[in-house]
Amino acid sequence: PGRDVRLTSQTLVERAQPLLGTQYVWGGVTEEGIDCSGFTQFLFKTYG
Protein backbone atom coordinates (compact mmCIF):
# COMPACT_ATOMS: atom_id res chain seq x y z
CA PRO A 1 0.00 0.00 0.00
CA GLY A 2 1.12 3.52 -0.76
CA ARG A 3 3.26 2.78 -3.78
CA ASP A 4 3.02 5.58 -6.33
CA VAL A 5 1.39 3.97 -9.37
CA ARG A 6 -0.62 5.09 -12.35
CA LEU A 7 -3.29 2.98 -13.93
CA THR A 8 -2.69 2.85 -17.66
CA SER A 9 -3.54 0.12 -20.12
CA GLN A 10 0.18 -0.71 -20.30
CA THR A 11 0.75 -0.97 -16.54
CA LEU A 12 -2.44 -2.99 -16.10
CA VAL A 13 -1.41 -5.46 -18.78
CA GLU A 14 2.06 -5.75 -17.23
CA ARG A 15 0.57 -6.36 -13.78
CA ALA A 16 -1.89 -8.94 -15.15
CA GLN A 17 0.70 -10.68 -17.34
CA PRO A 18 1.38 -13.59 -14.94
CA LEU A 19 -2.32 -14.48 -14.98
CA LEU A 20 -3.03 -14.20 -18.72
CA GLY A 21 -4.32 -17.55 -19.94
CA THR A 22 -5.03 -18.79 -16.40
CA GLN A 23 -8.05 -21.07 -16.45
CA TYR A 24 -11.34 -19.84 -15.02
CA VAL A 25 -12.09 -21.59 -11.72
CA TRP A 26 -15.04 -20.64 -9.54
CA GLY A 27 -13.71 -19.34 -6.22
CA GLY A 28 -10.10 -19.26 -7.45
CA VAL A 29 -7.66 -16.44 -6.64
CA THR A 30 -4.26 -17.57 -8.00
CA GLU A 31 -2.62 -18.71 -11.24
CA GLU A 32 -3.81 -22.24 -10.42
CA GLY A 33 -7.29 -21.00 -11.33
CA ILE A 34 -9.13 -17.71 -10.89
CA ASP A 35 -12.65 -16.32 -11.32
CA CYS A 36 -13.72 -12.86 -12.55
CA SER A 37 -13.86 -11.11 -9.18
CA GLY A 38 -10.77 -12.94 -7.93
CA PHE A 39 -8.89 -11.49 -10.91
CA THR A 40 -9.99 -7.88 -10.29
CA GLN A 41 -9.39 -8.35 -6.58
CA PHE A 42 -5.82 -9.48 -7.28
CA LEU A 43 -5.04 -6.51 -9.54
CA PHE A 44 -6.27 -3.95 -7.00
CA LYS A 45 -4.67 -5.79 -4.09
CA THR A 46 -1.30 -5.22 -5.72
CA TYR A 47 -2.05 -1.47 -5.62
CA GLY A 48 -2.85 -1.67 -1.90
All heavy atoms as atom14 arrays in JSON, in Angstrom:
{
  "sequence": "PGRDVRLTSQTLVERAQPLLGTQYVWGGVTEEGIDCSGFTQFLFKTYG",
  "atom14_mask": [
    [1, 1, 1, 1, 1, 1, 1, 0, 0, 0, 0, 0, 0, 0],
    [1, 1, 1, 1, 0, 0, 0, 0, 0, 0, 0, 0, 0, 0],
    [1, 1, 1, 1, 1, 1, 1, 1, 1, 1, 1, 0, 0, 0],
    [1, 1, 1, 1, 1, 1, 1, 1, 0, 0, 0, 0, 0, 0],
    [1, 1, 1, 1, 1, 1, 1, 0, 0, 0, 0, 0, 0, 0],
    [1, 1, 1, 1, 1, 1, 1, 1, 1, 1, 1, 0, 0, 0],
    [1, 1, 1, 1, 1, 1, 1, 1, 0, 0, 0, 0, 0, 0],
    [1, 1, 1, 1, 1, 1, 1, 0, 0, 0, 0, 0, 0, 0],
    [1, 1, 1, 1, 1, 1, 0, 0, 0, 0, 0, 0, 0, 0],
    [1, 1, 1, 1, 1, 1, 1, 1, 1, 0, 0, 0, 0, 0],
    [1, 1, 1, 1, 1, 1, 1, 0, 0, 0, 0, 0, 0, 0],
    [1, 1, 1, 1, 1, 1, 1, 1, 0, 0, 0, 0, 0, 0],
    [1, 1, 1, 1, 1, 1, 1, 0, 0, 0, 0, 0, 0, 0],
    [1, 1, 1, 1, 1, 1, 1, 1, 1, 0, 0, 0, 0, 0],
    [1, 1, 1, 1, 1, 1, 1, 1, 1, 1, 1, 0, 0, 0],
    [1, 1, 1, 1, 1, 0, 0, 0, 0, 0, 0, 0, 0, 0],
    [1, 1, 1, 1, 1, 1, 1, 1, 1, 0, 0, 0, 0, 0],
    [1, 1, 1, 1, 1, 1, 1, 0, 0, 0, 0, 0, 0, 0],
    [1, 1, 1, 1, 1, 1, 1, 1, 0, 0, 0, 0, 0, 0],
    [1, 1, 1, 1, 1, 1, 1, 1, 0, 0, 0, 0, 0, 0],
    [1, 1, 1, 1, 0, 0, 0, 0, 0, 0, 0, 0, 0, 0],
    [1, 1, 1, 1, 1, 1, 1, 0, 0, 0, 0, 0, 0, 0],
    [1, 1, 1, 1, 1, 1, 1, 1, 1, 0, 0, 0, 0, 0],
    [1, 1, 1, 1, 1, 1, 1, 1, 1, 1, 1, 1, 0, 0],
    [1, 1, 1, 1, 1, 1, 1, 0, 0, 0, 0, 0, 0, 0],
    [1, 1, 1, 1, 1, 1, 1, 1, 1, 1, 1, 1, 1, 1],
    [1, 1, 1, 1, 0, 0, 0, 0, 0, 0, 0, 0, 0, 0],
    [1, 1, 1, 1, 0, 0, 0, 0, 0, 0, 0, 0, 0, 0],
    [1, 1, 1, 1, 1, 1, 1, 0, 0, 0, 0, 0, 0, 0],
    [1, 1, 1, 1, 1, 1, 1, 0, 0, 0, 0, 0, 0, 0],
    [1, 1, 1, 1, 1, 1, 1, 1, 1, 0, 0, 0, 0, 0],
    [1, 1, 1, 1, 1, 1, 1, 1, 1, 0, 0, 0, 0, 0],
    [1, 1, 1, 1, 0, 0, 0, 0, 0, 0, 0, 0, 0, 0],
    [1, 1, 1, 1, 1, 1, 1, 1, 0, 0, 0, 0, 0, 0],
    [1, 1, 1, 1, 1, 1, 1, 1, 0, 0, 0, 0, 0, 0],
    [1, 1, 1, 1, 1, 1, 0, 0, 0, 0, 0, 0, 0, 0],
    [1, 1, 1, 1, 1, 1, 0, 0, 0, 0, 0, 0, 0, 0],
    [1, 1, 1, 1, 0, 0, 0, 0, 0, 0, 0, 0, 0, 0],
    [1, 1, 1, 1, 1, 1, 1, 1, 1, 1, 1, 0, 0, 0],
    [1, 1, 1, 1, 1, 1, 1, 0, 0, 0, 0, 0, 0, 0],
    [1, 1, 1, 1, 1, 1, 1, 1, 1, 0, 0, 0, 0, 0],
    [1, 1, 1, 1, 1, 1, 1, 1, 1, 1, 1, 0, 0, 0],
    [1, 1, 1, 1, 1, 1, 1, 1, 0, 0, 0, 0, 0, 0],
    [1, 1, 1, 1, 1, 1, 1, 1, 1, 1, 1, 0, 0, 0],
    [1, 1, 1, 1, 1, 1, 1, 1, 1, 0, 0, 0, 0, 0],
    [1, 1, 1, 1, 1, 1, 1, 0, 0, 0, 0, 0, 0, 0],
    [1, 1, 1, 1, 1, 1, 1, 1, 1, 1, 1, 1, 0, 0],
    [1, 1, 1, 1, 0, 0, 0, 0, 0, 0, 0, 0, 0, 0]
  ],
  "atom14_positions": [
    [[0.83, -1.21, 0.0], [0.0, 0.0, 0.0], [0.86, 1.25, 0.0], [1.9, 1.31, 0.65], [-0.79, -0.13, 1.3], [-0.84, -1.59, 1.57], [0.48, -2.12, 1.08], [0.0, 0.0, 0.0], [0.0, 0.0, 0.0], [0.0, 0.0, 0.0], [0.0, 0.0, 0.0], [0.0, 0.0, 0.0], [0.0, 0.0, 0.0], [0.0, 0.0, 0.0]],
    [[0.42, 2.25, -0.77], [1.12, 3.52, -0.76], [2.11, 3.69, -1.89], [2.67, 4.75, -2.07], [0.0, 0.0, 0.0], [0.0, 0.0, 0.0], [0.0, 0.0, 0.0], [0.0, 0.0, 0.0], [0.0, 0.0, 0.0], [0.0, 0.0, 0.0], [0.0, 0.0, 0.0], [0.0, 0.0, 0.0], [0.0, 0.0, 0.0], [0.0, 0.0, 0.0]],
    [[2.33, 2.64, -2.66], [3.26, 2.78, -3.78], [2.66, 3.72, -4.82], [1.47, 3.68, -5.12], [3.54, 1.42, -4.42], [4.4, 0.52, -3.56], [4.69, -0.79, -4.24], [5.48, -0.59, -5.47], [5.86, -1.61, -6.25], [5.53, -2.84, -5.94], [6.57, -1.38, -7.33], [0.0, 0.0, 0.0], [0.0, 0.0, 0.0], [0.0, 0.0, 0.0]],
    [[3.49, 4.58, -5.36], [3.02, 5.58, -6.33], [2.87, 4.9, -7.69], [3.86, 4.57, -8.35], [4.01, 6.73, -6.4], [3.52, 7.85, -7.31], [2.29, 7.88, -7.57], [4.33, 8.68, -7.74], [0.0, 0.0, 0.0], [0.0, 0.0, 0.0], [0.0, 0.0, 0.0], [0.0, 0.0, 0.0], [0.0, 0.0, 0.0], [0.0, 0.0, 0.0]],
    [[1.64, 4.64, -8.11], [1.39, 3.97, -9.37], [0.36, 4.75, -10.18], [-0.42, 5.51, -9.62], [0.88, 2.53, -9.15], [1.93, 1.69, -8.47], [-0.4, 2.55, -8.32], [0.0, 0.0, 0.0], [0.0, 0.0, 0.0], [0.0, 0.0, 0.0], [0.0, 0.0, 0.0], [0.0, 0.0, 0.0], [0.0, 0.0, 0.0], [0.0, 0.0, 0.0]],
    [[0.39, 4.53, -11.47], [-0.62, 5.09, -12.35], [-1.26, 3.95, -13.12], [-0.57, 3.05, -13.61], [-0.02, 6.11, -13.3], [0.32, 7.43, -12.65], [0.71, 8.45, -13.71], [-0.32, 8.64, -14.72], [-1.4, 9.41, -14.55], [-1.6, 10.02, -13.38], [-2.29, 9.56, -15.51], [0.0, 0.0, 0.0], [0.0, 0.0, 0.0], [0.0, 0.0, 0.0]],
    [[-2.58, 4.0, -13.2], [-3.29, 2.98, -13.93], [-3.36, 3.38, -15.4], [-4.08, 4.3, -15.78], [-4.7, 2.81, -13.37], [-4.8, 2.26, -11.95], [-6.24, 2.12, -11.52], [-4.1, 0.91, -11.85], [0.0, 0.0, 0.0], [0.0, 0.0, 0.0], [0.0, 0.0, 0.0], [0.0, 0.0, 0.0], [0.0, 0.0, 0.0], [0.0, 0.0, 0.0]],
    [[-2.62, 2.68, -16.22], [-2.69, 2.85, -17.66], [-2.91, 1.47, -18.25], [-2.71, 0.44, -17.58], [-1.39, 3.45, -18.23], [-0.32, 2.5, -18.03], [-1.05, 4.76, -17.53], [0.0, 0.0, 0.0], [0.0, 0.0, 0.0], [0.0, 0.0, 0.0], [0.0, 0.0, 0.0], [0.0, 0.0, 0.0], [0.0, 0.0, 0.0], [0.0, 0.0, 0.0]],
    [[-3.33, 1.42, -19.5], [-3.54, 0.12, -20.12], [-2.24, -0.69, -20.11], [-2.25, -1.9, -19.9], [-4.06, 0.3, -21.55], [-3.15, 1.07, -22.32], [0.0, 0.0, 0.0], [0.0, 0.0, 0.0], [0.0, 0.0, 0.0], [0.0, 0.0, 0.0], [0.0, 0.0, 0.0], [0.0, 0.0, 0.0], [0.0, 0.0, 0.0], [0.0, 0.0, 0.0]],
    [[-1.11, -0.01, -20.27], [0.18, -0.71, -20.3], [0.53, -1.29, -18.94], [0.91, -2.46, -18.83], [1.28, 0.22, -20.77], [2.66, -0.45, -20.82], [3.75, 0.5, -21.31], [3.47, 1.6, -21.76], [5.01, 0.07, -21.21], [0.0, 0.0, 0.0], [0.0, 0.0, 0.0], [0.0, 0.0, 0.0], [0.0, 0.0, 0.0], [0.0, 0.0, 0.0]],
    [[0.39, -0.46, -17.87], [0.75, -0.97, -16.54], [-0.21, -2.07, -16.09], [0.2, -3.01, -15.42], [0.74, 0.18, -15.51], [-0.57, 0.79, -15.47], [1.78, 1.22, -15.85], [0.0, 0.0, 0.0], [0.0, 0.0, 0.0], [0.0, 0.0, 0.0], [0.0, 0.0, 0.0], [0.0, 0.0, 0.0], [0.0, 0.0, 0.0], [0.0, 0.0, 0.0]],
    [[-1.47, -1.95, -16.47], [-2.44, -2.99, -16.1], [-2.11, -4.31, -16.78], [-2.17, -5.38, -16.16], [-3.85, -2.55, -16.46], [-4.46, -1.48, -15.55], [-5.71, -0.9, -16.19], [-4.79, -2.06, -14.18], [0.0, 0.0, 0.0], [0.0, 0.0, 0.0], [0.0, 0.0, 0.0], [0.0, 0.0, 0.0], [0.0, 0.0, 0.0], [0.0, 0.0, 0.0]],
    [[-1.77, -4.24, -18.05], [-1.41, -5.46, -18.78], [-0.15, -6.07, -18.19], [-0.05, -7.3, -18.02], [-1.23, -5.16, -20.28], [-0.65, -6.38, -21.0], [-2.57, -4.78, -20.9], [0.0, 0.0, 0.0], [0.0, 0.0, 0.0], [0.0, 0.0, 0.0], [0.0, 0.0, 0.0], [0.0, 0.0, 0.0], [0.0, 0.0, 0.0], [0.0, 0.0, 0.0]],
    [[0.83, -5.24, -17.84], [2.06, -5.75, -17.23], [1.76, -6.43, -15.9], [2.3, -7.49, -15.59], [3.05, -4.6, -17.02], [3.63, -4.06, -18.32], [4.5, -2.83, -18.09], [4.54, -2.34, -16.93], [5.12, -2.35, -19.06], [0.0, 0.0, 0.0], [0.0, 0.0, 0.0], [0.0, 0.0, 0.0], [0.0, 0.0, 0.0], [0.0, 0.0, 0.0]],
    [[0.9, -5.79, -15.08], [0.57, -6.36, -13.78], [-0.22, -7.66, -13.92], [-0.08, -8.57, -13.1], [-0.24, -5.32, -12.98], [-0.45, -5.66, -11.51], [0.85, -5.76, -10.75], [1.66, -4.56, -10.79], [1.59, -3.58, -9.92], [0.71, -3.61, -8.94], [2.4, -2.54, -10.0], [0.0, 0.0, 0.0], [0.0, 0.0, 0.0], [0.0, 0.0, 0.0]],
    [[-1.06, -7.74, -14.95], [-1.89, -8.94, -15.15], [-1.17, -10.04, -15.92], [-1.68, -11.17, -15.99], [-3.17, -8.55, -15.89], [0.0, 0.0, 0.0], [0.0, 0.0, 0.0], [0.0, 0.0, 0.0], [0.0, 0.0, 0.0], [0.0, 0.0, 0.0], [0.0, 0.0, 0.0], [0.0, 0.0, 0.0], [0.0, 0.0, 0.0], [0.0, 0.0, 0.0]],
    [[0.0, -9.74, -16.46], [0.7, -10.68, -17.34], [0.84, -12.09, -16.76], [0.6, -13.08, -17.47], [2.08, -10.12, -17.69], [2.81, -10.88, -18.79], [2.13, -10.74, -20.14], [1.66, -9.68, -20.48], [2.09, -11.82, -20.9], [0.0, 0.0, 0.0], [0.0, 0.0, 0.0], [0.0, 0.0, 0.0], [0.0, 0.0, 0.0], [0.0, 0.0, 0.0]],
    [[1.21, -12.23, -15.47], [1.38, -13.59, -14.94], [0.1, -14.41, -14.94], [0.16, -15.64, -14.85], [1.85, -13.33, -13.49], [2.41, -11.96, -13.51], [1.6, -11.2, -14.49], [0.0, 0.0, 0.0], [0.0, 0.0, 0.0], [0.0, 0.0, 0.0], [0.0, 0.0, 0.0], [0.0, 0.0, 0.0], [0.0, 0.0, 0.0], [0.0, 0.0, 0.0]],
    [[-1.06, -13.75, -15.05], [-2.32, -14.48, -14.98], [-2.97, -14.66, -16.35], [-4.0, -15.34, -16.45], [-3.29, -13.75, -14.05], [-2.93, -13.79, -12.56], [-3.9, -12.94, -11.76], [-2.94, -15.22, -12.04], [0.0, 0.0, 0.0], [0.0, 0.0, 0.0], [0.0, 0.0, 0.0], [0.0, 0.0, 0.0], [0.0, 0.0, 0.0], [0.0, 0.0, 0.0]],
    [[-2.43, -14.05, -17.4], [-3.03, -14.2, -18.72], [-3.04, -15.68, -19.13], [-2.03, -16.38, -19.01], [-2.26, -13.39, -19.76], [-2.42, -11.87, -19.67], [-1.55, -11.17, -20.71], [-3.88, -11.46, -19.84], [0.0, 0.0, 0.0], [0.0, 0.0, 0.0], [0.0, 0.0, 0.0], [0.0, 0.0, 0.0], [0.0, 0.0, 0.0], [0.0, 0.0, 0.0]],
    [[-4.19, -16.15, -19.56], [-4.32, -17.55, -19.94], [-4.68, -18.46, -18.79], [-4.96, -19.65, -19.01], [0.0, 0.0, 0.0], [0.0, 0.0, 0.0], [0.0, 0.0, 0.0], [0.0, 0.0, 0.0], [0.0, 0.0, 0.0], [0.0, 0.0, 0.0], [0.0, 0.0, 0.0], [0.0, 0.0, 0.0], [0.0, 0.0, 0.0], [0.0, 0.0, 0.0]],
    [[-4.67, -17.95, -17.56], [-5.03, -18.79, -16.4], [-6.48, -19.26, -16.54], [-7.37, -18.47, -16.88], [-4.88, -17.99, -15.09], [-3.51, -17.63, -14.92], [-5.34, -18.82, -13.89], [0.0, 0.0, 0.0], [0.0, 0.0, 0.0], [0.0, 0.0, 0.0], [0.0, 0.0, 0.0], [0.0, 0.0, 0.0], [0.0, 0.0, 0.0], [0.0, 0.0, 0.0]],
    [[-6.71, -20.53, -16.28], [-8.05, -21.07, -16.45], [-9.03, -20.46, -15.45], [-8.66, -20.09, -14.33], [-8.04, -22.6, -16.28], [-7.66, -23.06, -14.87], [-7.77, -24.57, -14.7], [-8.51, -25.22, -15.41], [-7.01, -25.12, -13.76], [0.0, 0.0, 0.0], [0.0, 0.0, 0.0], [0.0, 0.0, 0.0], [0.0, 0.0, 0.0], [0.0, 0.0, 0.0]],
    [[-10.28, -20.34, -15.9], [-11.34, -19.84, -15.02], [-11.73, -20.95, -14.05], [-12.08, -22.06, -14.46], [-12.56, -19.42, -15.85], [-13.7, -18.9, -14.99], [-13.86, -17.54, -14.77], [-14.6, -19.78, -14.38], [-14.89, -17.06, -13.97], [-15.62, -19.32, -13.58], [-15.77, -17.96, -13.37], [-16.78, -17.49, -12.57], [0.0, 0.0, 0.0], [0.0, 0.0, 0.0]],
    [[-11.67, -20.64, -12.76], [-12.09, -21.59, -11.72], [-12.94, -20.82, -10.71], [-12.49, -19.81, -10.15], [-10.88, -22.23, -11.01], [-11.35, -23.06, -9.81], [-10.09, -23.1, -11.98], [0.0, 0.0, 0.0], [0.0, 0.0, 0.0], [0.0, 0.0, 0.0], [0.0, 0.0, 0.0], [0.0, 0.0, 0.0], [0.0, 0.0, 0.0], [0.0, 0.0, 0.0]],
    [[-14.14, -21.28, -10.5], [-15.04, -20.64, -9.54], [-14.4, -20.63, -8.15], [-13.98, -21.67, -7.64], [-16.36, -21.4, -9.49], [-17.34, -20.88, -8.5], [-17.52, -21.32, -7.22], [-18.28, -19.81, -8.68], [-18.52, -20.61, -6.61], [-19.0, -19.68, -7.47], [-18.57, -18.97, -9.75], [-20.0, -18.72, -7.31], [-19.57, -18.03, -9.59], [-20.26, -17.91, -8.38]],
    [[-14.3, -19.46, -7.54], [-13.71, -19.34, -6.22], [-12.2, -19.26, -6.21], [-11.59, -19.13, -5.15], [0.0, 0.0, 0.0], [0.0, 0.0, 0.0], [0.0, 0.0, 0.0], [0.0, 0.0, 0.0], [0.0, 0.0, 0.0], [0.0, 0.0, 0.0], [0.0, 0.0, 0.0], [0.0, 0.0, 0.0], [0.0, 0.0, 0.0], [0.0, 0.0, 0.0]],
    [[-11.56, -19.29, -7.39], [-10.1, -19.26, -7.45], [-9.54, -17.85, -7.34], [-10.17, -16.87, -7.75], [0.0, 0.0, 0.0], [0.0, 0.0, 0.0], [0.0, 0.0, 0.0], [0.0, 0.0, 0.0], [0.0, 0.0, 0.0], [0.0, 0.0, 0.0], [0.0, 0.0, 0.0], [0.0, 0.0, 0.0], [0.0, 0.0, 0.0], [0.0, 0.0, 0.0]],
    [[-8.29, -17.75, -6.82], [-7.66, -16.44, -6.64], [-6.19, -16.43, -7.04], [-5.51, -15.43, -6.84], [-7.77, -15.95, -5.17], [-9.22, -15.71, -4.78], [-7.1, -16.94, -4.2], [0.0, 0.0, 0.0], [0.0, 0.0, 0.0], [0.0, 0.0, 0.0], [0.0, 0.0, 0.0], [0.0, 0.0, 0.0], [0.0, 0.0, 0.0], [0.0, 0.0, 0.0]],
    [[-5.68, -17.51, -7.64], [-4.26, -17.57, -8.0], [-4.13, -18.08, -9.43], [-5.11, -18.39, -10.1], [-3.46, -18.5, -7.07], [-3.85, -19.86, -7.33], [-3.71, -18.17, -5.61], [0.0, 0.0, 0.0], [0.0, 0.0, 0.0], [0.0, 0.0, 0.0], [0.0, 0.0, 0.0], [0.0, 0.0, 0.0], [0.0, 0.0, 0.0], [0.0, 0.0, 0.0]],
    [[-2.86, -18.22, -9.89], [-2.62, -18.71, -11.24], [-2.97, -20.19, -11.4], [-2.92, -20.73, -12.51], [-1.17, -18.47, -11.67], [-0.12, -19.22, -10.86], [0.35, -18.41, -9.66], [-0.36, -17.48, -9.23], [1.44, -18.72, -9.15], [0.0, 0.0, 0.0], [0.0, 0.0, 0.0], [0.0, 0.0, 0.0], [0.0, 0.0, 0.0], [0.0, 0.0, 0.0]],
    [[-3.33, -20.86, -10.31], [-3.81, -22.24, -10.42], [-5.26, -22.27, -10.9], [-5.79, -23.32, -11.25], [-3.7, -22.96, -9.07], [-2.26, -23.21, -8.65], [-2.17, -24.12, -7.45], [-3.22, -24.41, -6.84], [-1.05, -24.54, -7.12], [0.0, 0.0, 0.0], [0.0, 0.0, 0.0], [0.0, 0.0, 0.0], [0.0, 0.0, 0.0], [0.0, 0.0, 0.0]],
    [[-5.9, -21.13, -10.93], [-7.29, -21.0, -11.33], [-7.88, -19.77, -10.67], [-7.62, -19.52, -9.49], [0.0, 0.0, 0.0], [0.0, 0.0, 0.0], [0.0, 0.0, 0.0], [0.0, 0.0, 0.0], [0.0, 0.0, 0.0], [0.0, 0.0, 0.0], [0.0, 0.0, 0.0], [0.0, 0.0, 0.0], [0.0, 0.0, 0.0], [0.0, 0.0, 0.0]],
    [[-8.64, -18.97, -11.44], [-9.13, -17.71, -10.89], [-10.47, -17.36, -11.54], [-10.7, -17.67, -12.72], [-8.09, -16.59, -11.13], [-8.32, -15.4, -10.21], [-8.06, -16.16, -12.6], [-7.13, -14.45, -10.13], [0.0, 0.0, 0.0], [0.0, 0.0, 0.0], [0.0, 0.0, 0.0], [0.0, 0.0, 0.0], [0.0, 0.0, 0.0], [0.0, 0.0, 0.0]],
    [[-11.37, -16.75, -10.75], [-12.65, -16.32, -11.32], [-12.61, -14.81, -11.6], [-11.6, -14.15, -11.37], [-13.82, -16.71, -10.42], [-13.76, -16.1, -9.03], [-13.04, -15.11, -8.83], [-14.46, -16.61, -8.13], [0.0, 0.0, 0.0], [0.0, 0.0, 0.0], [0.0, 0.0, 0.0], [0.0, 0.0, 0.0], [0.0, 0.0, 0.0], [0.0, 0.0, 0.0]],
    [[-13.74, -14.26, -12.08], [-13.72, -12.86, -12.55], [-13.43, -11.88, -11.42], [-12.58, -10.99, -11.57], [-15.05, -12.52, -13.22], [-16.51, -12.53, -12.15], [0.0, 0.0, 0.0], [0.0, 0.0, 0.0], [0.0, 0.0, 0.0], [0.0, 0.0, 0.0], [0.0, 0.0, 0.0], [0.0, 0.0, 0.0], [0.0, 0.0, 0.0], [0.0, 0.0, 0.0]],
    [[-14.08, -12.05, -10.29], [-13.86, -11.11, -9.18], [-12.55, -11.39, -8.47], [-11.94, -10.47, -7.9], [-15.03, -11.18, -8.19], [-15.24, -12.51, -7.75], [0.0, 0.0, 0.0], [0.0, 0.0, 0.0], [0.0, 0.0, 0.0], [0.0, 0.0, 0.0], [0.0, 0.0, 0.0], [0.0, 0.0, 0.0], [0.0, 0.0, 0.0], [0.0, 0.0, 0.0]],
    [[-12.09, -12.64, -8.49], [-10.77, -12.94, -7.93], [-9.68, -12.25, -8.73], [-8.68, -11.79, -8.17], [0.0, 0.0, 0.0], [0.0, 0.0, 0.0], [0.0, 0.0, 0.0], [0.0, 0.0, 0.0], [0.0, 0.0, 0.0], [0.0, 0.0, 0.0], [0.0, 0.0, 0.0], [0.0, 0.0, 0.0], [0.0, 0.0, 0.0], [0.0, 0.0, 0.0]],
    [[-9.87, -12.15, -10.05], [-8.89, -11.49, -10.91], [-8.84, -9.99, -10.63], [-7.76, -9.42, -10.45], [-9.25, -11.76, -12.37], [-8.38, -11.03, -13.35], [-7.02, -11.32, -13.45], [-8.91, -10.06, -14.18], [-6.21, -10.64, -14.35], [-8.11, -9.38, -15.09], [-6.76, -9.68, -15.17], [0.0, 0.0, 0.0], [0.0, 0.0, 0.0], [0.0, 0.0, 0.0]],
    [[-10.0, -9.32, -10.58], [-9.99, -7.88, -10.29], [-9.51, -7.62, -8.87], [-8.82, -6.63, -8.61], [-11.39, -7.28, -10.49], [-12.36, -8.01, -9.72], [-11.79, -7.32, -11.96], [0.0, 0.0, 0.0], [0.0, 0.0, 0.0], [0.0, 0.0, 0.0], [0.0, 0.0, 0.0], [0.0, 0.0, 0.0], [0.0, 0.0, 0.0], [0.0, 0.0, 0.0]],
    [[-9.85, -8.5, -7.95], [-9.39, -8.35, -6.58], [-7.87, -8.43, -6.51], [-7.23, -7.64, -5.8], [-10.01, -9.43, -5.68], [-9.74, -9.22, -4.2], [-10.22, -10.4, -3.36], [-9.95, -11.55, -3.69], [-10.95, -10.12, -2.3], [0.0, 0.0, 0.0], [0.0, 0.0, 0.0], [0.0, 0.0, 0.0], [0.0, 0.0, 0.0], [0.0, 0.0, 0.0]],
    [[-7.28, -9.36, -7.25], [-5.82, -9.48, -7.28], [-5.17, -8.2, -7.8], [-4.23, -7.68, -7.21], [-5.39, -10.67, -8.13], [-3.96, -10.58, -8.6], [-2.92, -10.82, -7.72], [-3.65, -10.2, -9.9], [-1.59, -10.7, -8.13], [-2.34, -10.08, -10.32], [-1.31, -10.34, -9.43], [0.0, 0.0, 0.0], [0.0, 0.0, 0.0], [0.0, 0.0, 0.0]],
    [[-5.66, -7.69, -8.95], [-5.04, -6.51, -9.54], [-5.06, -5.33, -8.57], [-4.05, -4.64, -8.4], [-5.76, -6.14, -10.83], [-5.44, -7.0, -12.06], [-6.21, -6.49, -13.27], [-3.95, -7.01, -12.35], [0.0, 0.0, 0.0], [0.0, 0.0, 0.0], [0.0, 0.0, 0.0], [0.0, 0.0, 0.0], [0.0, 0.0, 0.0], [0.0, 0.0, 0.0]],
    [[-6.19, -5.1, -7.91], [-6.27, -3.95, -7.0], [-5.51, -4.21, -5.7], [-5.0, -3.28, -5.08], [-7.73, -3.58, -6.74], [-8.3, -2.7, -7.81], [-8.84, -3.25, -8.95], [-8.25, -1.32, -7.7], [-9.34, -2.45, -9.97], [-8.74, -0.51, -8.7], [-9.29, -1.06, -9.84], [0.0, 0.0, 0.0], [0.0, 0.0, 0.0], [0.0, 0.0, 0.0]],
    [[-5.44, -5.46, -5.3], [-4.67, -5.79, -4.09], [-3.21, -5.4, -4.27], [-2.56, -4.93, -3.34], [-4.79, -7.3, -3.81], [-4.2, -7.73, -2.49], [-4.23, -9.25, -2.38], [-5.63, -9.79, -2.27], [-5.65, -11.27, -2.11], [0.0, 0.0, 0.0], [0.0, 0.0, 0.0], [0.0, 0.0, 0.0], [0.0, 0.0, 0.0], [0.0, 0.0, 0.0]],
    [[-2.7, -5.57, -5.48], [-1.3, -5.22, -5.72], [-1.08, -3.7, -5.7], [0.06, -3.25, -5.64], [-0.81, -5.78, -7.07], [-1.55, -5.17, -8.14], [-0.95, -7.27, -7.12], [0.0, 0.0, 0.0], [0.0, 0.0, 0.0], [0.0, 0.0, 0.0], [0.0, 0.0, 0.0], [0.0, 0.0, 0.0], [0.0, 0.0, 0.0], [0.0, 0.0, 0.0]],
    [[-2.14, -2.93, -5.76], [-2.05, -1.47, -5.62], [-2.41, -1.03, -4.2], [-2.58, 0.16, -3.94], [-2.99, -0.78, -6.61], [-2.57, -0.92, -8.05], [-3.39, -1.57, -8.97], [-1.35, -0.4, -8.49], [-3.0, -1.69, -10.3], [-0.97, -0.53, -9.81], [-1.8, -1.18, -10.71], [-1.41, -1.31, -12.03], [0.0, 0.0, 0.0], [0.0, 0.0, 0.0]],
    [[-2.55, -2.0, -3.29], [-2.85, -1.67, -1.9], [-4.31, -1.47, -1.61], [-4.66, -0.95, -0.55], [0.0, 0.0, 0.0], [0.0, 0.0, 0.0], [0.0, 0.0, 0.0], [0.0, 0.0, 0.0], [0.0, 0.0, 0.0], [0.0, 0.0, 0.0], [0.0, 0.0, 0.0], [0.0, 0.0, 0.0], [0.0, 0.0, 0.0], [0.0, 0.0, 0.0]]
  ]
}
